[in-house]
PDB file of N, CA and C in Angstrom:
ATOM      1  N   MET A   1      11.516   7.533 -12.125  1.00  0.00           N
ATOM      2  CA  MET A   1      11.209   8.745 -11.412  1.00  0.00           C
ATOM      3  C   MET A   1       9.933   9.346 -12.009  1.00  0.00           C
ATOM      4  N   ARG A   2       9.030   9.792 -11.136  1.00  0.00           N
ATOM      5  CA  ARG A   2       7.762  10.370 -11.581  1.00  0.00           C
ATOM      6  C   ARG A   2       7.591  11.734 -10.935  1.00  0.00           C
ATOM      7  N   ASN A   3       6.975  12.645 -11.666  1.00  0.00           N
ATOM      8  CA  ASN A   3       6.630  13.956 -11.114  1.00  0.00           C
ATOM      9  C   ASN A   3       5.247  13.863 -10.495  1.00  0.00           C
ATOM     10  N   VAL A   4       5.160  14.163  -9.207  1.00  0.00           N
ATOM     11  CA  VAL A   4       3.878  14.084  -8.500  1.00  0.00           C
ATOM     12  C   VAL A   4       3.553  15.434  -7.887  1.00  0.00           C
ATOM     13  N   GLN A   5       2.265  15.602  -7.596  1.00  0.00           N
ATOM     14  CA  GLN A   5       1.804  16.787  -6.886  1.00  0.00           C
ATOM     15  C   GLN A   5       1.335  16.362  -5.507  1.00  0.00           C
ATOM     16  N   LEU A   6       1.815  17.048  -4.475  1.00  0.00           N
ATOM     17  CA  LEU A   6       1.365  16.747  -3.124  1.00  0.00           C
ATOM     18  C   LEU A   6      -0.115  17.072  -3.019  1.00  0.00           C
ATOM     19  N   LYS A   7      -0.873  16.190  -2.367  1.00  0.00           N
ATOM     20  CA  LYS A   7      -2.320  16.362  -2.242  1.00  0.00           C
ATOM     21  C   LYS A   7      -2.769  15.977  -0.851  1.00  0.00           C
ATOM     22  N   GLN A   8      -3.826  16.600  -0.416  1.00  0.00           N
ATOM     23  CA  GLN A   8      -4.537  16.192   0.791  1.00  0.00           C
ATOM     24  C   GLN A   8      -6.014  16.280   0.463  1.00  0.00           C
ATOM     25  N   ASP A   9      -6.672  15.131   0.437  1.00  0.00           N
ATOM     26  CA  ASP A   9      -8.096  15.069   0.127  1.00  0.00           C
ATOM     27  C   ASP A   9      -8.689  13.947   0.968  1.00  0.00           C
ATOM     28  N   THR A  10      -9.407  14.295   2.018  1.00  0.00           N
ATOM     29  CA  THR A  10      -9.950  13.287   2.938  1.00  0.00           C
ATOM     30  C   THR A  10     -10.951  12.359   2.260  1.00  0.00           C
ATOM     31  N   ASN A  11     -11.474  12.721   1.089  1.00  0.00           N
ATOM     32  CA  ASN A  11     -12.383  11.843   0.360  1.00  0.00           C
ATOM     33  C   ASN A  11     -11.647  10.727  -0.376  1.00  0.00           C
ATOM     34  N   LYS A  12     -10.321  10.792  -0.466  1.00  0.00           N
ATOM     35  CA  LYS A  12      -9.546   9.788  -1.191  1.00  0.00           C
ATOM     36  C   LYS A  12      -8.692   8.932  -0.259  1.00  0.00           C
ATOM     37  N   ASN A  13      -8.987   8.894   1.017  1.00  0.00           N
ATOM     38  CA  ASN A  13      -8.298   8.004   1.948  1.00  0.00           C
ATOM     39  C   ASN A  13      -8.900   6.610   1.854  1.00  0.00           C
ATOM     40  N   VAL A  14      -8.105   5.607   2.225  1.00  0.00           N
ATOM     41  CA  VAL A  14      -8.549   4.213   2.207  1.00  0.00           C
ATOM     42  C   VAL A  14      -8.356   3.634   3.594  1.00  0.00           C
ATOM     43  N   THR A  15      -9.351   2.898   4.096  1.00  0.00           N
ATOM     44  CA  THR A  15      -9.239   2.255   5.399  1.00  0.00           C
ATOM     45  C   THR A  15      -9.345   0.746   5.228  1.00  0.00           C
ATOM     46  N   LEU A  16      -8.334   0.024   5.719  1.00  0.00           N
ATOM     47  CA  LEU A  16      -8.377  -1.434   5.753  1.00  0.00           C
ATOM     48  C   LEU A  16      -8.816  -1.842   7.150  1.00  0.00           C
ATOM     49  N   ILE A  17      -9.900  -2.588   7.240  1.00  0.00           N
ATOM     50  CA  ILE A  17     -10.414  -3.040   8.528  1.00  0.00           C
ATOM     51  C   ILE A  17      -9.552  -4.166   9.082  1.00  0.00           C
ATOM     52  N   ASP A  18      -8.930  -4.935   8.194  1.00  0.00           N
ATOM     53  CA  ASP A  18      -8.032  -6.025   8.581  1.00  0.00           C
ATOM     54  C   ASP A  18      -6.803  -5.958   7.680  1.00  0.00           C
ATOM     55  N   SER A  19      -5.686  -6.491   8.131  1.00  0.00           N
ATOM     56  CA  SER A  19      -4.489  -6.492   7.295  1.00  0.00           C
ATOM     57  C   SER A  19      -4.731  -7.375   6.070  1.00  0.00           C
ATOM     58  N   MET A  20      -3.925  -7.161   5.019  1.00  0.00           N
ATOM     59  CA  MET A  20      -4.112  -7.861   3.759  1.00  0.00           C
ATOM     60  C   MET A  20      -2.736  -8.209   3.190  1.00  0.00           C
ATOM     61  N   VAL A  21      -2.600  -9.422   2.628  1.00  0.00           N
ATOM     62  CA  VAL A  21      -1.353  -9.835   1.995  1.00  0.00           C
ATOM     63  C   VAL A  21      -1.600 -10.006   0.504  1.00  0.00           C
ATOM     64  N   TRP A  22      -0.735  -9.406  -0.321  1.00  0.00           N
ATOM     65  CA  TRP A  22      -0.755  -9.600  -1.769  1.00  0.00           C
ATOM     66  C   TRP A  22       0.446 -10.466  -2.114  1.00  0.00           C
ATOM     67  N   TYR A  23       0.213 -11.533  -2.887  1.00  0.00           N
ATOM     68  CA  TYR A  23       1.251 -12.485  -3.259  1.00  0.00           C
ATOM     69  C   TYR A  23       1.669 -12.287  -4.716  1.00  0.00           C
ATOM     70  N   ASP A  24       2.902 -12.737  -5.031  1.00  0.00           N
ATOM     71  CA  ASP A  24       3.310 -12.763  -6.430  1.00  0.00           C
ATOM     72  C   ASP A  24       2.664 -13.976  -7.097  1.00  0.00           C
ATOM     73  N   PHE A  25       2.915 -14.152  -8.387  1.00  0.00           N
ATOM     74  CA  PHE A  25       2.280 -15.215  -9.165  1.00  0.00           C
ATOM     75  C   PHE A  25       2.513 -16.598  -8.564  1.00  0.00           C
ATOM     76  N   ASN A  26       3.720 -16.861  -8.070  1.00  0.00           N
ATOM     77  CA  ASN A  26       4.072 -18.177  -7.518  1.00  0.00           C
ATOM     78  C   ASN A  26       3.773 -18.318  -6.032  1.00  0.00           C
ATOM     79  N   ARG A  27       3.256 -17.276  -5.431  1.00  0.00           N
ATOM     80  CA  ARG A  27       2.995 -17.237  -3.989  1.00  0.00           C
ATOM     81  C   ARG A  27       4.256 -17.503  -3.172  1.00  0.00           C
ATOM     82  N   SER A  28       5.422 -17.107  -3.695  1.00  0.00           N
ATOM     83  CA  SER A  28       6.671 -17.269  -2.964  1.00  0.00           C
ATOM     84  C   SER A  28       7.091 -15.977  -2.268  1.00  0.00           C
ATOM     85  N   HIS A  29       6.506 -14.872  -2.662  1.00  0.00           N
ATOM     86  CA  HIS A  29       6.775 -13.573  -2.048  1.00  0.00           C
ATOM     87  C   HIS A  29       5.446 -12.866  -1.805  1.00  0.00           C
ATOM     88  N   GLY A  30       5.417 -12.054  -0.780  1.00  0.00           N
ATOM     89  CA  GLY A  30       4.205 -11.308  -0.475  1.00  0.00           C
ATOM     90  C   GLY A  30       4.515  -9.996   0.199  1.00  0.00           C
ATOM     91  N   ILE A  31       3.528  -9.130   0.202  1.00  0.00           N
ATOM     92  CA  ILE A  31       3.633  -7.854   0.903  1.00  0.00           C
ATOM     93  C   ILE A  31       2.394  -7.718   1.779  1.00  0.00           C
ATOM     94  N   LEU A  32       2.628  -7.444   3.053  1.00  0.00           N
ATOM     95  CA  LEU A  32       1.537  -7.306   4.013  1.00  0.00           C
ATOM     96  C   LEU A  32       1.229  -5.826   4.210  1.00  0.00           C
ATOM     97  N   PHE A  33      -0.023  -5.477   3.956  1.00  0.00           N
ATOM     98  CA  PHE A  33      -0.519  -4.127   4.207  1.00  0.00           C
ATOM     99  C   PHE A  33      -1.231  -4.142   5.558  1.00  0.00           C
ATOM    100  N   PRO A  34      -0.740  -3.388   6.551  1.00  0.00           N
ATOM    101  CA  PRO A  34      -1.363  -3.417   7.878  1.00  0.00           C
ATOM    102  C   PRO A  34      -2.734  -2.740   7.880  1.00  0.00           C
ATOM    103  N   GLU A  35      -3.557  -3.133   8.821  1.00  0.00           N
ATOM    104  CA  GLU A  35      -4.871  -2.485   8.949  1.00  0.00           C
ATOM    105  C   GLU A  35      -4.690  -1.028   9.342  1.00  0.00           C
ATOM    106  N   GLY A  36      -5.682  -0.223   9.018  1.00  0.00           N
ATOM    107  CA  GLY A  36      -5.650   1.182   9.384  1.00  0.00           C
ATOM    108  C   GLY A  36      -5.986   2.087   8.211  1.00  0.00           C
ATOM    109  N   GLU A  37      -5.796   3.370   8.411  1.00  0.00           N
ATOM    110  CA  GLU A  37      -6.139   4.364   7.398  1.00  0.00           C
ATOM    111  C   GLU A  37      -4.918   4.738   6.565  1.00  0.00           C
ATOM    112  N   TYR A  38      -5.067   4.653   5.252  1.00  0.00           N
ATOM    113  CA  TYR A  38      -4.034   5.041   4.283  1.00  0.00           C
ATOM    114  C   TYR A  38      -4.417   6.424   3.760  1.00  0.00           C
ATOM    115  N   VAL A  39      -3.552   7.401   4.021  1.00  0.00           N
ATOM    116  CA  VAL A  39      -3.853   8.800   3.741  1.00  0.00           C
ATOM    117  C   VAL A  39      -3.222   9.207   2.413  1.00  0.00           C
ATOM    118  N   LEU A  40      -4.006   9.858   1.562  1.00  0.00           N
ATOM    119  CA  LEU A  40      -3.494  10.346   0.282  1.00  0.00           C
ATOM    120  C   LEU A  40      -2.369  11.336   0.530  1.00  0.00           C
ATOM    121  N   GLU A  41      -1.228  11.102  -0.132  1.00  0.00           N
ATOM    122  CA  GLU A  41      -0.063  11.970   0.028  1.00  0.00           C
ATOM    123  C   GLU A  41       0.245  12.743  -1.252  1.00  0.00           C
ATOM    124  N   ALA A  42       0.054  12.087  -2.413  1.00  0.00           N
ATOM    125  CA  ALA A  42       0.386  12.727  -3.685  1.00  0.00           C
ATOM    126  C   ALA A  42      -0.365  12.024  -4.804  1.00  0.00           C
ATOM    127  N   GLU A  43      -0.331  12.632  -6.008  1.00  0.00           N
ATOM    128  CA  GLU A  43      -0.910  12.000  -7.186  1.00  0.00           C
ATOM    129  C   GLU A  43      -0.200  12.519  -8.428  1.00  0.00           C
ATOM    130  N   ASP A  44      -0.325  11.729  -9.502  1.00  0.00           N
ATOM    131  CA  ASP A  44       0.118  12.186 -10.810  1.00  0.00           C
ATOM    132  C   ASP A  44      -1.003  11.846 -11.790  1.00  0.00           C
ATOM    133  N   ASP A  45      -0.731  11.899 -13.085  1.00  0.00           N
ATOM    134  CA  ASP A  45      -1.785  11.655 -14.074  1.00  0.00           C
ATOM    135  C   ASP A  45      -2.303  10.221 -14.064  1.00  0.00           C
ATOM    136  N   ASP A  46      -1.521   9.287 -13.507  1.00  0.00           N
ATOM    137  CA  ASP A  46      -1.889   7.874 -13.549  1.00  0.00           C
ATOM    138  C   ASP A  46      -2.208   7.239 -12.197  1.00  0.00           C
ATOM    139  N   TYR A  47      -1.635   7.755 -11.121  1.00  0.00           N
ATOM    140  CA  TYR A  47      -1.712   7.064  -9.837  1.00  0.00           C
ATOM    141  C   TYR A  47      -1.978   8.008  -8.670  1.00  0.00           C
ATOM    142  N   TYR A  48      -2.515   7.400  -7.585  1.00  0.00           N
ATOM    143  CA  TYR A  48      -2.586   8.056  -6.279  1.00  0.00           C
ATOM    144  C   TYR A  48      -1.508   7.401  -5.410  1.00  0.00           C
ATOM    145  N   TYR A  49      -0.906   8.155  -4.498  1.00  0.00           N
ATOM    146  CA  TYR A  49       0.134   7.650  -3.600  1.00  0.00           C
ATOM    147  C   TYR A  49      -0.323   7.881  -2.161  1.00  0.00           C
ATOM    148  N   PHE A  50      -0.365   6.794  -1.385  1.00  0.00           N
ATOM    149  CA  PHE A  50      -0.864   6.841  -0.023  1.00  0.00           C
ATOM    150  C   PHE A  50       0.246   6.572   0.978  1.00  0.00           C
ATOM    151  N   THR A  51       0.101   7.123   2.169  1.00  0.00           N
ATOM    152  CA  THR A  51       0.981   6.824   3.290  1.00  0.00           C
ATOM    153  C   THR A  51       0.300   5.765   4.144  1.00  0.00           C
ATOM    154  N   ALA A  52       1.032   4.698   4.449  1.00  0.00           N
ATOM    155  CA  ALA A  52       0.492   3.604   5.257  1.00  0.00           C
ATOM    156  C   ALA A  52       0.486   4.004   6.732  1.00  0.00           C
ATOM    157  N   PRO A  53      -0.424   3.407   7.531  1.00  0.00           N
ATOM    158  CA  PRO A  53      -0.482   3.730   8.958  1.00  0.00           C
ATOM    159  C   PRO A  53       0.738   3.223   9.732  1.00  0.00           C
ATOM    160  N   SER A  54       1.403   2.191   9.214  1.00  0.00           N
ATOM    161  CA  SER A  54       2.658   1.673   9.786  1.00  0.00           C
ATOM    162  C   SER A  54       3.414   0.981   8.653  1.00  0.00           C
ATOM    163  N   SER A  55       4.599   0.488   8.943  1.00  0.00           N
ATOM    164  CA  SER A  55       5.456  -0.092   7.909  1.00  0.00           C
ATOM    165  C   SER A  55       4.818  -1.297   7.226  1.00  0.00           C
ATOM    166  N   LEU A  56       5.012  -1.382   5.905  1.00  0.00           N
ATOM    167  CA  LEU A  56       4.616  -2.572   5.159  1.00  0.00           C
ATOM    168  C   LEU A  56       5.634  -3.661   5.442  1.00  0.00           C
ATOM    169  N   GLU A  57       5.205  -4.931   5.343  1.00  0.00           N
ATOM    170  CA  GLU A  57       6.111  -6.057   5.569  1.00  0.00           C
ATOM    171  C   GLU A  57       6.272  -6.831   4.272  1.00  0.00           C
ATOM    172  N   PHE A  58       7.518  -7.038   3.851  1.00  0.00           N
ATOM    173  CA  PHE A  58       7.827  -7.835   2.683  1.00  0.00           C
ATOM    174  C   PHE A  58       8.229  -9.221   3.166  1.00  0.00           C
ATOM    175  N   ARG A  59       7.643 -10.274   2.556  1.00  0.00           N
ATOM    176  CA  ARG A  59       7.882 -11.627   3.047  1.00  0.00           C
ATOM    177  C   ARG A  59       8.283 -12.565   1.910  1.00  0.00           C
ATOM    178  N   THR A  60       9.124 -13.533   2.243  1.00  0.00           N
ATOM    179  CA  THR A  60       9.492 -14.603   1.330  1.00  0.00           C
ATOM    180  C   THR A  60       9.032 -15.901   1.971  1.00  0.00           C
ATOM    181  N   PHE A  61       8.286 -16.727   1.204  1.00  0.00           N
ATOM    182  CA  PHE A  61       7.757 -17.992   1.718  1.00  0.00           C
ATOM    183  C   PHE A  61       8.551 -19.135   1.121  1.00  0.00           C
ATOM    184  N   GLN A  62       8.893 -20.118   1.955  1.00  0.00           N
ATOM    185  CA  GLN A  62       9.669 -21.262   1.521  1.00  0.00           C
ATOM    186  C   GLN A  62       8.915 -22.544   1.874  1.00  0.00           C
ATOM    187  N   ASP A  63       9.032 -23.558   0.994  1.00  0.00           N
ATOM    188  CA  ASP A  63       8.461 -24.871   1.306  1.00  0.00           C
ATOM    189  C   ASP A  63       9.253 -25.512   2.427  1.00  0.00           C
ATOM    190  N   ARG A  64       8.570 -26.198   3.317  1.00  0.00           N
ATOM    191  CA  ARG A  64       9.249 -26.873   4.429  1.00  0.00           C
ATOM    192  C   ARG A  64       9.020 -28.346   4.352  1.00  0.00           C
TER     193      ARG A  64
END
């Protein structure tokens, strides 16, 4: 659990022009970040927290 402060700062938004997948070390799991604007929602001393434009997708990849 972390204590955060709600924030709104249009200079700290992030826009992905295309969707992006981040994989784990073995490339067996991934998370898909959809394209669009990620709006700053909160921050603490270490991190910024953004709201995604739509749901993130968690994926498991299997050898076939």
